[in-house]
Amino acid sequence: MSNLMNYRILALLSFLLLAPRLMQAQTDKKAIELKKLETGVATAKAKVALNERQLTNSDSLITLGTKQIAESKTETKAIEAERKKLDKDNVTQKKPLTKLSTSKDKEESTQARADLKALDVKYKLDSKALGIRLKDATKKLTTGNANLTRGKATKKSAHDALKISQTALDAAQAKYDAASGVNATAKGKKKK
C-alpha cells in the first residue's frame, strides 16, 4: 500500500511539475503566432503605404502632363501669332525695296537689292528661331501627353493594387485582433 501511495504521489508531482511547462509551451506558441500575425499586419500596412505613394506619384504625373500640355498650347499660339506678324512685317518691308530695286538709278537699285538680301537673311534667321521654338513646344506637348497617359495608367493600376492591399490589411488586422483577443466591435466604433 505504501508503494501504491508513493506512485500516486510521484504521479501527482510529475503532473504538477509538467502542467506549467505545457501551459508555457502553449503560451509560447500563441506568442509566436501573434508575432507572425503582427508581422503580417505590418507588411500589409507597408504595402498599403507603397500603393498610396504610387497613387500620389501618378497624380503628380497627371498634373505635370496637363501643365506641360497647357504650356505647349499657349507657346504654340504665341509662336503662330509671332510668325504671322513676322510674315506681315517682311511683306511690308519688302514692297518698297522691291520697287526700288527696279529703279533706273543704278546705285539706288544696287542698294535696294543688298537691303532685300539682308532682309531675306534676317527673315530666315527669325523664321528659323520660331521653328526651333515651335519644335520645343511640340516636344513639350509630346512629353506632356506621354506623362498624362503614363500617369493615368499608373493611377489605375495603383488604385486597383491599393484596393487589394487594403483588403489584405483588413483581413490581417482582423486575424490579429481575433488572435490577440481585441474586441473588434469596440475597435469598429472607435473608427467612426
C-alpha atoms as a PDB file:
ATOM      1  CA  MET A   1       0.000   0.000   0.000  1.00  0.00           C
ATOM      2  CA  SER A   2       2.774   2.372   0.763  1.00  0.00           C
ATOM      3  CA  ASN A   3       4.242   1.626  -2.667  1.00  0.00           C
ATOM      4  CA  LEU A   4       0.923   2.451  -4.274  1.00  0.00           C
ATOM      5  CA  MET A   5       0.765   5.676  -2.314  1.00  0.00           C
ATOM      6  CA  ASN A   6       4.313   6.531  -3.361  1.00  0.00           C
ATOM      7  CA  TYR A   7       3.389   6.005  -7.016  1.00  0.00           C
ATOM      8  CA  ARG A   8       0.338   8.220  -6.674  1.00  0.00           C
ATOM      9  CA  ILE A   9       2.371  10.973  -5.064  1.00  0.00           C
ATOM     10  CA  LEU A  10       5.038  10.577  -7.711  1.00  0.00           C
ATOM     11  CA  ALA A  11       2.433  10.734 -10.491  1.00  0.00           C
ATOM     12  CA  LEU A  12       0.790  13.757  -8.889  1.00  0.00           C
ATOM     13  CA  LEU A  13       4.149  15.523  -8.524  1.00  0.00           C
ATOM     14  CA  SER A  14       5.014  14.757 -12.159  1.00  0.00           C
ATOM     15  CA  PHE A  15       1.716  16.185 -13.261  1.00  0.00           C
ATOM     16  CA  LEU A  16       2.146  19.291 -11.132  1.00  0.00           C
ATOM     17  CA  LEU A  17       5.638  19.829 -12.490  1.00  0.00           C
ATOM     18  CA  LEU A  18       4.676  19.219 -16.149  1.00  0.00           C
ATOM     19  CA  ALA A  19       1.455  21.263 -16.160  1.00  0.00           C
ATOM     20  CA  PRO A  20       3.198  24.666 -16.033  1.00  0.00           C
ATOM     21  CA  ARG A  21       5.597  23.509 -18.746  1.00  0.00           C
ATOM     22  CA  LEU A  22       2.699  22.534 -21.008  1.00  0.00           C
ATOM     23  CA  MET A  23       0.957  25.825 -20.327  1.00  0.00           C
ATOM     24  CA  GLN A  24       4.176  27.727 -21.018  1.00  0.00           C
ATOM     25  CA  ALA A  25       4.625  25.854 -24.305  1.00  0.00           C
ATOM     26  CA  GLN A  26       1.088  26.811 -25.325  1.00  0.00           C
ATOM     27  CA  THR A  27       1.722  30.418 -24.311  1.00  0.00           C
ATOM     28  CA  ASP A  28       4.983  30.481 -26.332  1.00  0.00           C
ATOM     29  CA  LYS A  29       3.171  29.002 -29.315  1.00  0.00           C
ATOM     30  CA  LYS A  30       0.462  31.654 -29.039  1.00  0.00           C
ATOM     31  CA  ALA A  31       3.088  34.403 -28.701  1.00  0.00           C
ATOM     32  CA  ILE A  32       4.886  33.145 -31.806  1.00  0.00           C
ATOM     33  CA  GLU A  33       1.618  33.077 -33.745  1.00  0.00           C
ATOM     34  CA  LEU A  34       0.749  36.583 -32.532  1.00  0.00           C
ATOM     35  CA  LYS A  35       4.183  37.793 -33.608  1.00  0.00           C
ATOM     36  CA  LYS A  36       3.674  36.208 -37.037  1.00  0.00           C
ATOM     37  CA  LEU A  37       0.250  37.861 -37.371  1.00  0.00           C
ATOM     38  CA  GLU A  38       1.715  41.178 -36.216  1.00  0.00           C
ATOM     39  CA  THR A  39       4.395  40.890 -38.905  1.00  0.00           C
ATOM     40  CA  GLY A  40       1.668  40.183 -41.474  1.00  0.00           C
ATOM     41  CA  VAL A  41      -0.207  43.310 -40.401  1.00  0.00           C
ATOM     42  CA  ALA A  42       2.976  45.398 -40.611  1.00  0.00           C
ATOM     43  CA  THR A  43       3.719  44.025 -44.083  1.00  0.00           C
ATOM     44  CA  ALA A  44       0.166  44.764 -45.218  1.00  0.00           C
ATOM     45  CA  LYS A  45       0.431  48.329 -43.839  1.00  0.00           C
ATOM     46  CA  ALA A  46       3.700  48.815 -45.719  1.00  0.00           C
ATOM     47  CA  LYS A  47       2.069  47.578 -48.925  1.00  0.00           C
ATOM     48  CA  VAL A  48      -0.853  49.985 -48.455  1.00  0.00           C
ATOM     49  CA  ALA A  49       1.591  52.866 -47.868  1.00  0.00           C
ATOM     50  CA  LEU A  50       3.545  51.913 -51.011  1.00  0.00           C
ATOM     51  CA  ASN A  51       0.373  51.853 -53.100  1.00  0.00           C
ATOM     52  CA  GLU A  52      -0.716  55.207 -51.674  1.00  0.00           C
ATOM     53  CA  ARG A  53       2.688  56.671 -52.615  1.00  0.00           C
ATOM     54  CA  GLN A  54       2.302  55.275 -56.149  1.00  0.00           C
ATOM     55  CA  LEU A  55      -1.150  56.833 -56.327  1.00  0.00           C
ATOM     56  CA  THR A  56       0.268  60.193 -55.226  1.00  0.00           C
ATOM     57  CA  ASN A  57       3.098  59.918 -57.762  1.00  0.00           C
ATOM     58  CA  SER A  58       0.653  59.121 -60.548  1.00  0.00           C
ATOM     59  CA  ASP A  59      -1.477  62.124 -59.552  1.00  0.00           C
ATOM     60  CA  SER A  60       1.567  64.383 -59.732  1.00  0.00           C
ATOM     61  CA  LEU A  61       2.485  62.883 -63.122  1.00  0.00           C
ATOM     62  CA  ILE A  62      -1.027  63.631 -64.403  1.00  0.00           C
ATOM     63  CA  THR A  63      -0.794  67.190 -63.072  1.00  0.00           C
ATOM     64  CA  LEU A  64       2.628  67.664 -64.674  1.00  0.00           C
ATOM     65  CA  GLY A  65       1.409  66.286 -68.015  1.00  0.00           C
ATOM     66  CA  THR A  66      -1.641  68.539 -68.005  1.00  0.00           C
ATOM     67  CA  LYS A  67       0.529  71.562 -67.173  1.00  0.00           C
ATOM     68  CA  GLN A  68       3.002  70.725 -69.964  1.00  0.00           C
ATOM     69  CA  ILE A  69       0.180  70.350 -72.492  1.00  0.00           C
ATOM     70  CA  ALA A  70      -1.321  73.710 -71.487  1.00  0.00           C
ATOM     71  CA  GLU A  71       2.076  75.448 -71.659  1.00  0.00           C
ATOM     72  CA  SER A  72       2.765  73.901 -75.051  1.00  0.00           C
ATOM     73  CA  LYS A  73      -0.571  75.052 -76.460  1.00  0.00           C
ATOM     74  CA  THR A  74      -0.011  78.577 -75.141  1.00  0.00           C
ATOM     75  CA  GLU A  75       3.508  78.660 -76.589  1.00  0.00           C
ATOM     76  CA  THR A  76       2.279  77.339 -79.967  1.00  0.00           C
ATOM     77  CA  LYS A  77      -0.379  80.059 -80.177  1.00  0.00           C
ATOM     78  CA  ALA A  78       2.219  82.709 -79.327  1.00  0.00           C
ATOM     79  CA  ILE A  79       4.590  81.343 -81.977  1.00  0.00           C
ATOM     80  CA  GLU A  80       1.826  81.322 -84.600  1.00  0.00           C
ATOM     81  CA  ALA A  81       0.990  84.947 -83.768  1.00  0.00           C
ATOM     82  CA  GLU A  82       4.671  85.941 -83.987  1.00  0.00           C
ATOM     83  CA  ARG A  83       5.034  84.095 -87.317  1.00  0.00           C
ATOM     84  CA  LYS A  84       2.036  85.974 -88.769  1.00  0.00           C
ATOM     85  CA  LYS A  85       3.488  89.268 -87.558  1.00  0.00           C
ATOM     86  CA  LEU A  86       6.921  88.355 -88.962  1.00  0.00           C
ATOM     87  CA  ASP A  87       5.419  87.461 -92.346  1.00  0.00           C
ATOM     88  CA  LYS A  88       3.353  90.647 -92.447  1.00  0.00           C
ATOM     89  CA  ASP A  89       6.331  92.818 -91.453  1.00  0.00           C
ATOM     90  CA  ASN A  90       8.510  91.088 -94.029  1.00  0.00           C
ATOM     91  CA  VAL A  91       6.000  91.738 -96.794  1.00  0.00           C
ATOM     92  CA  THR A  92       5.580  95.402 -95.799  1.00  0.00           C
ATOM     93  CA  GLN A  93       9.355  95.949 -95.653  1.00  0.00           C
ATOM     94  CA  LYS A  94       9.952  94.096 -98.941  1.00  0.00           C
ATOM     95  CA  LYS A  95       7.438  96.061-101.014  1.00  0.00           C
ATOM     96  CA  PRO A  96       9.288  99.397-101.161  1.00  0.00           C
ATOM     97  CA  LEU A  97      12.670  97.667-101.536  1.00  0.00           C
ATOM     98  CA  THR A  98      11.396  95.605-104.470  1.00  0.00           C
ATOM     99  CA  LYS A  99      10.104  98.762-106.089  1.00  0.00           C
ATOM    100  CA  LEU A 100      13.445 100.488-105.537  1.00  0.00           C
ATOM    101  CA  SER A 101      15.407  97.514-106.907  1.00  0.00           C
ATOM    102  CA  THR A 102      13.802  98.065-110.327  1.00  0.00           C
ATOM    103  CA  SER A 103      14.735 101.747-110.266  1.00  0.00           C
ATOM    104  CA  LYS A 104      16.688 103.286-113.136  1.00  0.00           C
ATOM    105  CA  ASP A 105      19.210 104.693-110.707  1.00  0.00           C
ATOM    106  CA  LYS A 106      21.900 102.040-110.596  1.00  0.00           C
ATOM    107  CA  GLU A 107      23.268 102.941-107.187  1.00  0.00           C
ATOM    108  CA  GLU A 108      19.808 103.062-105.661  1.00  0.00           C
ATOM    109  CA  SER A 109      18.894  99.757-107.330  1.00  0.00           C
ATOM    110  CA  THR A 110      22.040  98.020-106.047  1.00  0.00           C
ATOM    111  CA  GLN A 111      21.478  99.312-102.544  1.00  0.00           C
ATOM    112  CA  ALA A 112      17.849  98.108-102.625  1.00  0.00           C
ATOM    113  CA  ARG A 113      18.933  94.613-103.756  1.00  0.00           C
ATOM    114  CA  ALA A 114      21.503  94.454-100.950  1.00  0.00           C
ATOM    115  CA  ASP A 115      18.834  95.556 -98.476  1.00  0.00           C
ATOM    116  CA  LEU A 116      16.487  92.881 -99.867  1.00  0.00           C
ATOM    117  CA  LYS A 117      19.153  90.211 -99.340  1.00  0.00           C
ATOM    118  CA  ALA A 118      19.764  91.425 -95.787  1.00  0.00           C
ATOM    119  CA  LEU A 119      16.030  91.437 -95.165  1.00  0.00           C
ATOM    120  CA  ASP A 120      15.751  87.868 -96.506  1.00  0.00           C
ATOM    121  CA  VAL A 121      18.625  86.725 -94.268  1.00  0.00           C
ATOM    122  CA  LYS A 122      17.023  88.386 -91.245  1.00  0.00           C
ATOM    123  CA  TYR A 123      13.648  86.838 -92.142  1.00  0.00           C
ATOM    124  CA  LYS A 124      15.194  83.364 -92.476  1.00  0.00           C
ATOM    125  CA  LEU A 125      17.004  83.693 -89.137  1.00  0.00           C
ATOM    126  CA  ASP A 126      13.863  84.894 -87.374  1.00  0.00           C
ATOM    127  CA  SER A 127      11.821  82.174 -89.052  1.00  0.00           C
ATOM    128  CA  LYS A 128      14.377  79.538 -88.035  1.00  0.00           C
ATOM    129  CA  ALA A 129      14.276  80.766 -84.414  1.00  0.00           C
ATOM    130  CA  LEU A 130      10.489  80.485 -84.445  1.00  0.00           C
ATOM    131  CA  GLY A 131      10.801  76.995 -85.944  1.00  0.00           C
ATOM    132  CA  ILE A 132      13.104  75.943 -83.109  1.00  0.00           C
ATOM    133  CA  ARG A 133      10.679  77.346 -80.535  1.00  0.00           C
ATOM    134  CA  LEU A 134       7.815  75.518 -82.263  1.00  0.00           C
ATOM    135  CA  LYS A 135       9.827  72.294 -82.239  1.00  0.00           C
ATOM    136  CA  ASP A 136      10.456  72.721 -78.487  1.00  0.00           C
ATOM    137  CA  ALA A 137       6.753  73.405 -77.884  1.00  0.00           C
ATOM    138  CA  THR A 138       5.829  70.294 -79.873  1.00  0.00           C
ATOM    139  CA  LYS A 139       8.336  68.274 -77.881  1.00  0.00           C
ATOM    140  CA  LYS A 140       6.822  69.604 -74.643  1.00  0.00           C
ATOM    141  CA  LEU A 141       3.347  68.647 -75.923  1.00  0.00           C
ATOM    142  CA  THR A 142       4.529  65.122 -76.716  1.00  0.00           C
ATOM    143  CA  THR A 143       6.170  64.785 -73.313  1.00  0.00           C
ATOM    144  CA  GLY A 144       3.043  66.125 -71.615  1.00  0.00           C
ATOM    145  CA  ASN A 145       0.842  63.623 -73.444  1.00  0.00           C
ATOM    146  CA  ALA A 146       3.211  60.791 -72.521  1.00  0.00           C
ATOM    147  CA  ASN A 147       3.242  61.871 -68.851  1.00  0.00           C
ATOM    148  CA  LEU A 148      -0.538  62.155 -68.820  1.00  0.00           C
ATOM    149  CA  THR A 149      -1.004  58.715 -70.374  1.00  0.00           C
ATOM    150  CA  ARG A 150       1.576  57.102 -68.098  1.00  0.00           C
ATOM    151  CA  GLY A 151       0.083  58.829 -65.043  1.00  0.00           C
ATOM    152  CA  LYS A 152      -3.417  57.618 -65.868  1.00  0.00           C
ATOM    153  CA  ALA A 153      -2.214  54.040 -66.408  1.00  0.00           C
ATOM    154  CA  THR A 154      -0.175  54.089 -63.208  1.00  0.00           C
ATOM    155  CA  LYS A 155      -3.085  55.596 -61.288  1.00  0.00           C
ATOM    156  CA  LYS A 156      -5.430  52.843 -62.432  1.00  0.00           C
ATOM    157  CA  SER A 157      -3.027  50.045 -61.514  1.00  0.00           C
ATOM    158  CA  ALA A 158      -2.097  51.716 -58.200  1.00  0.00           C
ATOM    159  CA  HIS A 159      -5.779  52.214 -57.372  1.00  0.00           C
ATOM    160  CA  ASP A 160      -6.521  48.544 -58.079  1.00  0.00           C
ATOM    161  CA  ALA A 161      -3.471  47.435 -56.073  1.00  0.00           C
ATOM    162  CA  LEU A 162      -4.491  49.740 -53.216  1.00  0.00           C
ATOM    163  CA  LYS A 163      -7.925  48.126 -53.050  1.00  0.00           C
ATOM    164  CA  ILE A 164      -6.347  44.665 -52.919  1.00  0.00           C
ATOM    165  CA  SER A 165      -3.740  45.611 -50.320  1.00  0.00           C
ATOM    166  CA  GLN A 166      -6.348  47.429 -48.200  1.00  0.00           C
ATOM    167  CA  THR A 167      -8.489  44.281 -48.239  1.00  0.00           C
ATOM    168  CA  ALA A 168      -5.442  42.212 -47.274  1.00  0.00           C
ATOM    169  CA  LEU A 169      -4.663  44.668 -44.454  1.00  0.00           C
ATOM    170  CA  ASP A 170      -8.217  44.478 -43.151  1.00  0.00           C
ATOM    171  CA  ALA A 171      -8.089  40.670 -43.217  1.00  0.00           C
ATOM    172  CA  ALA A 172      -4.683  40.558 -41.496  1.00  0.00           C
ATOM    173  CA  GLN A 173      -5.835  43.057 -38.866  1.00  0.00           C
ATOM    174  CA  ALA A 174      -8.991  41.018 -38.233  1.00  0.00           C
ATOM    175  CA  LYS A 175      -6.933  37.834 -37.792  1.00  0.00           C
ATOM    176  CA  TYR A 176      -4.564  39.614 -35.438  1.00  0.00           C
ATOM    177  CA  ASP A 177      -7.431  41.101 -33.438  1.00  0.00           C
ATOM    178  CA  ALA A 178      -9.132  37.723 -33.185  1.00  0.00           C
ATOM    179  CA  ALA A 179      -5.924  36.004 -32.092  1.00  0.00           C
ATOM    180  CA  SER A 180      -4.985  38.676 -29.563  1.00  0.00           C
ATOM    181  CA  GLY A 181      -8.495  38.875 -28.162  1.00  0.00           C
ATOM    182  CA  VAL A 182      -9.107  42.529 -29.056  1.00  0.00           C
ATOM    183  CA  ASN A 183     -12.809  43.317 -29.242  1.00  0.00           C
ATOM    184  CA  ALA A 184     -13.460  44.023 -32.944  1.00  0.00           C
ATOM    185  CA  THR A 185     -16.755  45.807 -32.303  1.00  0.00           C
ATOM    186  CA  ALA A 186     -15.146  48.262 -29.891  1.00  0.00           C
ATOM    187  CA  LYS A 187     -12.432  48.942 -32.425  1.00  0.00           C
ATOM    188  CA  GLY A 188     -15.010  49.480 -35.169  1.00  0.00           C
ATOM    189  CA  LYS A 189     -16.768  52.055 -33.014  1.00  0.00           C
ATOM    190  CA  LYS A 190     -13.508  53.949 -32.488  1.00  0.00           C
ATOM    191  CA  LYS A 191     -13.010  54.309 -36.253  1.00  0.00           C
ATOM    192  CA  LYS A 192     -16.354  56.050 -36.726  1.00  0.00           C
END
